[in-house]
Structure formats: structure tokens, C-alpha cells
Amino acid sequence: MRIFFNNKKPKIMKQSIAVNEKKGIFEVLYANSLLSSSKLQMNLDELIKLLSVTLAELEECYFNPLHHYAEYVQRLPCVDHDQYAYSGGFLDYSMDLIVAALKYRRAYLLPLGSDAETCYKEEGIWTLAVFLASLFQECWKISAYYRVEVFLPKKFCRRWEPSIGMTMPQGLNYSYSFQ
């Protein structure tokens, strides 16, 4: 299933601020790069096994939101003091949460109290709802706990506000701190 992550997009103008992860300066990356780690690939393979959808539905309904989410959280840690407190921990935590939620969802016939025929007809919709709910469950933390600074060309810096724009522009650099 790695075919979905091999699309190459052109990068915009490189800037003069050097990426230095030890000093907390990161390059804004595309989803393909963010989702390429072996841990995330294992979660993606598990996700595909849990879903019974066509490749077109998988791409449109599941991978498109996942790509946008990956570009939204970039390499932020989940929080500053738990097992996901490392670069990219937010995305790893979200993928673990999604897989666990979809495994848990398989144990239930939704909507509750419906007959088997209705449950079978609506299985895909409920699975998508559980996927999206678990994907976006932690988004509020970015506005509440993080201060993300985007380095614009010519060394200007501005605070990134998630409520203004969904994702940071690719090709720029950013740093973060906890509020």
C-alpha cells in the first residue's frame, strides 16, 4: 500500500534559515515524508486490514484526511511528558489511537439496537465516523498547548494560528514550544 505515499510534489523556494532539529527548527514536510516511518507504515498496513473498502474509497475517505492531518501536526510531540514526547509523537499517537478505535469498533454492531441488515448496510459509514472521530480527537491540543513559529523568507517569523489556516506552507521552517 505504499503506492499512495510515493507521489512527489515540487518544493517551493528554499530559505536561508538552516534546519537544525537539535535547536528545535524543523522543515515543514509533505504527508508522504511524514508517514514514511516504519512504525507508521505498520499502522497503515494494520489500518488497511481493518477496513473493507475499495482502493478508491480508501484513498478518498481515509488517506486524504490522514494526509491533511499529517501535514497539520507535522513533527510535533504529543505532549511534553509522556511516551509520545518525541519529534513526530503526535502523529504516532494519533495512528495508534485510530487503529485501537477501529479494532474496538469491530466488536459492535452499529447503530446499537438495529437489526443485522441495517448494521450491514451502515457498517462503512460507522467505520468512517469512528476513523474521523479518532483522527481529529486531539486537534484542539495544538491551539491550547503549543506555540508554533513559522520562519518566513528573509528571516521573518510569525506565529502560526491553526484557526486561520489548516496547514503550514511546505518548504518553510518552524519551531514549537509548549504554552
C-alpha atoms as a PDB file:
ATOM      1  CA  MET A   1       0.000   0.000   0.000  1.00  0.00           C
ATOM      2  CA  ARG A   2       2.987   2.285  -0.165  1.00  0.00           C
ATOM      3  CA  ILE A   3       1.850   3.381  -3.638  1.00  0.00           C
ATOM      4  CA  PHE A   4      -0.235   6.142  -2.056  1.00  0.00           C
ATOM      5  CA  PHE A   5       2.804   7.758  -0.488  1.00  0.00           C
ATOM      6  CA  ASN A   6       5.125   7.899  -3.489  1.00  0.00           C
ATOM      7  CA  ASN A   7       3.559  10.977  -5.096  1.00  0.00           C
ATOM      8  CA  LYS A   8       6.276  13.604  -5.388  1.00  0.00           C
ATOM      9  CA  LYS A   9       5.255  17.242  -5.068  1.00  0.00           C
ATOM     10  CA  PRO A  10       7.510  20.124  -6.066  1.00  0.00           C
ATOM     11  CA  LYS A  11       9.018  22.112  -3.209  1.00  0.00           C
ATOM     12  CA  ILE A  12       8.757  25.874  -3.042  1.00  0.00           C
ATOM     13  CA  MET A  13      11.661  28.282  -2.608  1.00  0.00           C
ATOM     14  CA  LYS A  14      14.259  27.192  -0.041  1.00  0.00           C
ATOM     15  CA  GLN A  15      15.010  29.707   2.646  1.00  0.00           C
ATOM     16  CA  SER A  16      18.188  30.801   4.346  1.00  0.00           C
ATOM     17  CA  ILE A  17      17.313  29.588   7.882  1.00  0.00           C
ATOM     18  CA  ALA A  18      19.029  26.254   8.362  1.00  0.00           C
ATOM     19  CA  VAL A  19      17.054  23.296   9.650  1.00  0.00           C
ATOM     20  CA  ASN A  20      18.547  22.320  12.976  1.00  0.00           C
ATOM     21  CA  GLU A  21      16.457  19.749  14.812  1.00  0.00           C
ATOM     22  CA  LYS A  22      18.704  19.878  17.878  1.00  0.00           C
ATOM     23  CA  LYS A  23      17.863  23.572  18.224  1.00  0.00           C
ATOM     24  CA  GLY A  24      14.184  22.866  17.526  1.00  0.00           C
ATOM     25  CA  ILE A  25      13.950  24.162  13.953  1.00  0.00           C
ATOM     26  CA  PHE A  26      12.130  21.781  11.626  1.00  0.00           C
ATOM     27  CA  GLU A  27      11.281  21.851   7.936  1.00  0.00           C
ATOM     28  CA  VAL A  28       7.596  21.727   7.023  1.00  0.00           C
ATOM     29  CA  LEU A  29       7.174  18.376   5.261  1.00  0.00           C
ATOM     30  CA  TYR A  30       4.621  16.779   2.968  1.00  0.00           C
ATOM     31  CA  ALA A  31       2.452  13.942   4.242  1.00  0.00           C
ATOM     32  CA  ASN A  32       4.426  11.420   2.176  1.00  0.00           C
ATOM     33  CA  SER A  33       7.570  12.157   4.165  1.00  0.00           C
ATOM     34  CA  LEU A  34       5.771  12.352   7.496  1.00  0.00           C
ATOM     35  CA  LEU A  35       4.034   8.992   7.035  1.00  0.00           C
ATOM     36  CA  SER A  36       7.096   7.116   5.792  1.00  0.00           C
ATOM     37  CA  SER A  37       8.464   5.862   9.131  1.00  0.00           C
ATOM     38  CA  SER A  38       8.378   2.103   9.689  1.00  0.00           C
ATOM     39  CA  LYS A  39       6.088   2.440  12.746  1.00  0.00           C
ATOM     40  CA  LEU A  40       3.552   4.485  10.807  1.00  0.00           C
ATOM     41  CA  GLN A  41       3.779   2.120   7.832  1.00  0.00           C
ATOM     42  CA  MET A  42       2.944  -0.790  10.145  1.00  0.00           C
ATOM     43  CA  ASN A  43      -0.048   1.166  11.459  1.00  0.00           C
ATOM     44  CA  LEU A  44      -1.141   1.992   7.910  1.00  0.00           C
ATOM     45  CA  ASP A  45      -0.927  -1.674   6.921  1.00  0.00           C
ATOM     46  CA  GLU A  46      -2.996  -2.562  10.008  1.00  0.00           C
ATOM     47  CA  LEU A  47      -5.483   0.170   9.098  1.00  0.00           C
ATOM     48  CA  ILE A  48      -5.919  -1.250   5.599  1.00  0.00           C
ATOM     49  CA  LYS A  49      -6.548  -4.720   7.058  1.00  0.00           C
ATOM     50  CA  LEU A  50      -9.241  -3.334   9.381  1.00  0.00           C
ATOM     51  CA  LEU A  51     -11.110  -1.602   6.559  1.00  0.00           C
ATOM     52  CA  SER A  52     -13.115  -3.450   3.953  1.00  0.00           C
ATOM     53  CA  VAL A  53     -13.255  -0.778   1.254  1.00  0.00           C
ATOM     54  CA  THR A  54     -12.088  -0.394  -2.331  1.00  0.00           C
ATOM     55  CA  LEU A  55      -8.808   1.327  -3.151  1.00  0.00           C
ATOM     56  CA  ALA A  56     -10.673   4.399  -4.434  1.00  0.00           C
ATOM     57  CA  GLU A  57     -12.670   4.673  -1.186  1.00  0.00           C
ATOM     58  CA  LEU A  58      -9.524   4.072   0.831  1.00  0.00           C
ATOM     59  CA  GLU A  59      -7.738   6.930  -0.900  1.00  0.00           C
ATOM     60  CA  GLU A  60     -10.644   9.385  -0.858  1.00  0.00           C
ATOM     61  CA  CYS A  61     -12.257   8.722   2.518  1.00  0.00           C
ATOM     62  CA  TYR A  62      -9.321   7.606   4.640  1.00  0.00           C
ATOM     63  CA  PHE A  63      -5.963   8.623   3.177  1.00  0.00           C
ATOM     64  CA  ASN A  64      -6.926  12.161   2.105  1.00  0.00           C
ATOM     65  CA  PRO A  65      -7.975  13.200   5.642  1.00  0.00           C
ATOM     66  CA  LEU A  66      -4.949  11.358   7.043  1.00  0.00           C
ATOM     67  CA  HIS A  67      -2.599  13.254   4.709  1.00  0.00           C
ATOM     68  CA  HIS A  68      -4.141  16.598   5.691  1.00  0.00           C
ATOM     69  CA  TYR A  69      -3.878  15.667   9.355  1.00  0.00           C
ATOM     70  CA  ALA A  70      -0.221  14.644   8.998  1.00  0.00           C
ATOM     71  CA  GLU A  71       0.582  17.989   7.359  1.00  0.00           C
ATOM     72  CA  TYR A  72      -1.338  19.737  10.127  1.00  0.00           C
ATOM     73  CA  VAL A  73       0.510  18.139  13.057  1.00  0.00           C
ATOM     74  CA  GLN A  74       3.887  17.852  11.260  1.00  0.00           C
ATOM     75  CA  ARG A  75       6.506  16.520  13.721  1.00  0.00           C
ATOM     76  CA  LEU A  76       5.040  17.882  16.922  1.00  0.00           C
ATOM     77  CA  PRO A  77       5.365  15.728  20.032  1.00  0.00           C
ATOM     78  CA  CYS A  78       2.092  14.637  21.600  1.00  0.00           C
ATOM     79  CA  VAL A  79       2.812  16.287  24.945  1.00  0.00           C
ATOM     80  CA  ASP A  80       5.989  17.212  26.744  1.00  0.00           C
ATOM     81  CA  HIS A  81       5.966  14.442  29.366  1.00  0.00           C
ATOM     82  CA  ASP A  82       4.709  11.052  28.175  1.00  0.00           C
ATOM     83  CA  GLN A  83       5.702   8.155  25.928  1.00  0.00           C
ATOM     84  CA  TYR A  84       4.886  10.147  22.773  1.00  0.00           C
ATOM     85  CA  ALA A  85       7.002  13.163  23.789  1.00  0.00           C
ATOM     86  CA  TYR A  86       9.356  12.998  20.801  1.00  0.00           C
ATOM     87  CA  SER A  87       9.510  14.510  17.340  1.00  0.00           C
ATOM     88  CA  GLY A  88       6.547  13.064  15.432  1.00  0.00           C
ATOM     89  CA  GLY A  89       4.893  11.704  18.562  1.00  0.00           C
ATOM     90  CA  PHE A  90       1.597  13.467  17.880  1.00  0.00           C
ATOM     91  CA  LEU A  91       1.184  11.611  14.585  1.00  0.00           C
ATOM     92  CA  ASP A  92       2.298   8.286  16.100  1.00  0.00           C
ATOM     93  CA  TYR A  93      -0.173   8.687  18.966  1.00  0.00           C
ATOM     94  CA  SER A  94      -2.997   9.536  16.562  1.00  0.00           C
ATOM     95  CA  MET A  95      -2.295   6.490  14.389  1.00  0.00           C
ATOM     96  CA  ASP A  96      -2.187   4.196  17.449  1.00  0.00           C
ATOM     97  CA  LEU A  97      -5.487   5.700  18.587  1.00  0.00           C
ATOM     98  CA  ILE A  98      -7.093   5.172  15.163  1.00  0.00           C
ATOM     99  CA  VAL A  99      -6.055   1.523  14.962  1.00  0.00           C
ATOM    100  CA  ALA A 100      -7.268   0.851  18.518  1.00  0.00           C
ATOM    101  CA  ALA A 101     -10.599   2.599  17.856  1.00  0.00           C
ATOM    102  CA  LEU A 102     -11.201   0.633  14.656  1.00  0.00           C
ATOM    103  CA  LYS A 103     -10.404  -2.647  16.415  1.00  0.00           C
ATOM    104  CA  TYR A 104     -12.807  -1.680  19.191  1.00  0.00           C
ATOM    105  CA  ARG A 105     -15.460  -0.667  16.633  1.00  0.00           C
ATOM    106  CA  ARG A 106     -15.403  -4.154  15.054  1.00  0.00           C
ATOM    107  CA  ALA A 107     -16.742  -5.598  18.306  1.00  0.00           C
ATOM    108  CA  TYR A 108     -20.014  -3.681  17.953  1.00  0.00           C
ATOM    109  CA  LEU A 109     -22.890  -3.715  15.513  1.00  0.00           C
ATOM    110  CA  LEU A 110     -23.749  -0.072  14.958  1.00  0.00           C
ATOM    111  CA  PRO A 111     -26.224   1.547  15.268  1.00  0.00           C
ATOM    112  CA  LEU A 112     -26.976  -0.130  18.569  1.00  0.00           C
ATOM    113  CA  GLY A 113     -30.318  -1.908  18.719  1.00  0.00           C
ATOM    114  CA  SER A 114     -30.703  -2.192  14.938  1.00  0.00           C
ATOM    115  CA  ASP A 115     -31.308  -5.375  13.019  1.00  0.00           C
ATOM    116  CA  ALA A 116     -28.438  -7.152  11.251  1.00  0.00           C
ATOM    117  CA  GLU A 117     -29.442  -5.910   7.784  1.00  0.00           C
ATOM    118  CA  THR A 118     -29.325  -2.250   8.833  1.00  0.00           C
ATOM    119  CA  CYS A 119     -25.995  -2.785  10.578  1.00  0.00           C
ATOM    120  CA  TYR A 120     -24.556  -4.380   7.439  1.00  0.00           C
ATOM    121  CA  LYS A 121     -25.766  -1.518   5.214  1.00  0.00           C
ATOM    122  CA  GLU A 122     -24.380   1.173   7.521  1.00  0.00           C
ATOM    123  CA  GLU A 123     -21.119  -0.543   8.514  1.00  0.00           C
ATOM    124  CA  GLY A 124     -18.961   1.567   6.195  1.00  0.00           C
ATOM    125  CA  ILE A 125     -20.450   4.849   7.353  1.00  0.00           C
ATOM    126  CA  TRP A 126     -19.995   3.983  11.037  1.00  0.00           C
ATOM    127  CA  THR A 127     -16.434   2.822  10.423  1.00  0.00           C
ATOM    128  CA  LEU A 128     -15.625   6.093   8.649  1.00  0.00           C
ATOM    129  CA  ALA A 129     -17.230   8.048  11.503  1.00  0.00           C
ATOM    130  CA  VAL A 130     -15.091   6.220  14.090  1.00  0.00           C
ATOM    131  CA  PHE A 131     -11.972   6.769  11.951  1.00  0.00           C
ATOM    132  CA  LEU A 132     -12.565  10.512  11.583  1.00  0.00           C
ATOM    133  CA  ALA A 133     -13.544  10.981  15.225  1.00  0.00           C
ATOM    134  CA  SER A 134     -10.390   9.241  16.427  1.00  0.00           C
ATOM    135  CA  LEU A 135      -8.260  11.100  13.860  1.00  0.00           C
ATOM    136  CA  PHE A 136      -9.402  14.565  14.911  1.00  0.00           C
ATOM    137  CA  GLN A 137      -9.919  13.882  18.617  1.00  0.00           C
ATOM    138  CA  GLU A 138      -6.680  15.555  19.711  1.00  0.00           C
ATOM    139  CA  CYS A 139      -6.588  18.535  17.284  1.00  0.00           C
ATOM    140  CA  TRP A 140      -7.616  21.012  19.961  1.00  0.00           C
ATOM    141  CA  LYS A 141      -4.307  20.415  21.775  1.00  0.00           C
ATOM    142  CA  ILE A 142      -2.361  22.248  19.081  1.00  0.00           C
ATOM    143  CA  SER A 143      -4.148  25.529  19.773  1.00  0.00           C
ATOM    144  CA  ALA A 144      -4.196  25.012  23.525  1.00  0.00           C
ATOM    145  CA  TYR A 145      -0.715  23.678  24.301  1.00  0.00           C
ATOM    146  CA  TYR A 146       1.639  24.716  21.510  1.00  0.00           C
ATOM    147  CA  ARG A 147       3.148  27.912  20.271  1.00  0.00           C
ATOM    148  CA  VAL A 148       4.323  27.292  16.703  1.00  0.00           C
ATOM    149  CA  GLU A 149       6.514  29.872  14.985  1.00  0.00           C
ATOM    150  CA  VAL A 150       6.889  29.781  11.206  1.00  0.00           C
ATOM    151  CA  PHE A 151      10.074  31.217   9.711  1.00  0.00           C
ATOM    152  CA  LEU A 152       9.184  33.136   6.582  1.00  0.00           C
ATOM    153  CA  PRO A 153      11.686  34.064   3.848  1.00  0.00           C
ATOM    154  CA  LYS A 154      14.225  36.753   4.781  1.00  0.00           C
ATOM    155  CA  LYS A 155      14.282  35.546   8.417  1.00  0.00           C
ATOM    156  CA  PHE A 156      10.898  36.950   9.384  1.00  0.00           C
ATOM    157  CA  CYS A 157       8.994  34.916  11.920  1.00  0.00           C
ATOM    158  CA  ARG A 158       5.295  34.792  12.705  1.00  0.00           C
ATOM    159  CA  ARG A 159       3.086  32.709  14.934  1.00  0.00           C
ATOM    160  CA  TRP A 160       1.110  30.011  13.155  1.00  0.00           C
ATOM    161  CA  GLU A 161      -2.564  30.057  14.050  1.00  0.00           C
ATOM    162  CA  PRO A 162      -4.328  26.766  13.236  1.00  0.00           C
ATOM    163  CA  SER A 163      -7.709  28.528  13.170  1.00  0.00           C
ATOM    164  CA  ILE A 164      -6.561  30.800  10.319  1.00  0.00           C
ATOM    165  CA  GLY A 165      -5.043  28.183   8.036  1.00  0.00           C
ATOM    166  CA  MET A 166      -5.264  24.424   8.118  1.00  0.00           C
ATOM    167  CA  THR A 167      -1.647  23.639   7.293  1.00  0.00           C
ATOM    168  CA  MET A 168       1.657  25.466   7.229  1.00  0.00           C
ATOM    169  CA  PRO A 169       3.117  26.162   3.780  1.00  0.00           C
ATOM    170  CA  GLN A 170       5.579  23.476   2.683  1.00  0.00           C
ATOM    171  CA  GLY A 171       9.192  24.435   2.184  1.00  0.00           C
ATOM    172  CA  LEU A 172       9.292  26.753   5.202  1.00  0.00           C
ATOM    173  CA  ASN A 173      10.737  26.010   8.622  1.00  0.00           C
ATOM    174  CA  TYR A 174       9.065  26.104  12.026  1.00  0.00           C
ATOM    175  CA  SER A 175       9.781  25.726  15.694  1.00  0.00           C
ATOM    176  CA  TYR A 176       7.469  24.985  18.580  1.00  0.00           C
ATOM    177  CA  SER A 177       7.267  25.407  22.305  1.00  0.00           C
ATOM    178  CA  PHE A 178       4.707  24.482  24.920  1.00  0.00           C
ATOM    179  CA  GLN A 179       2.482  27.241  26.303  1.00  0.00           C
END
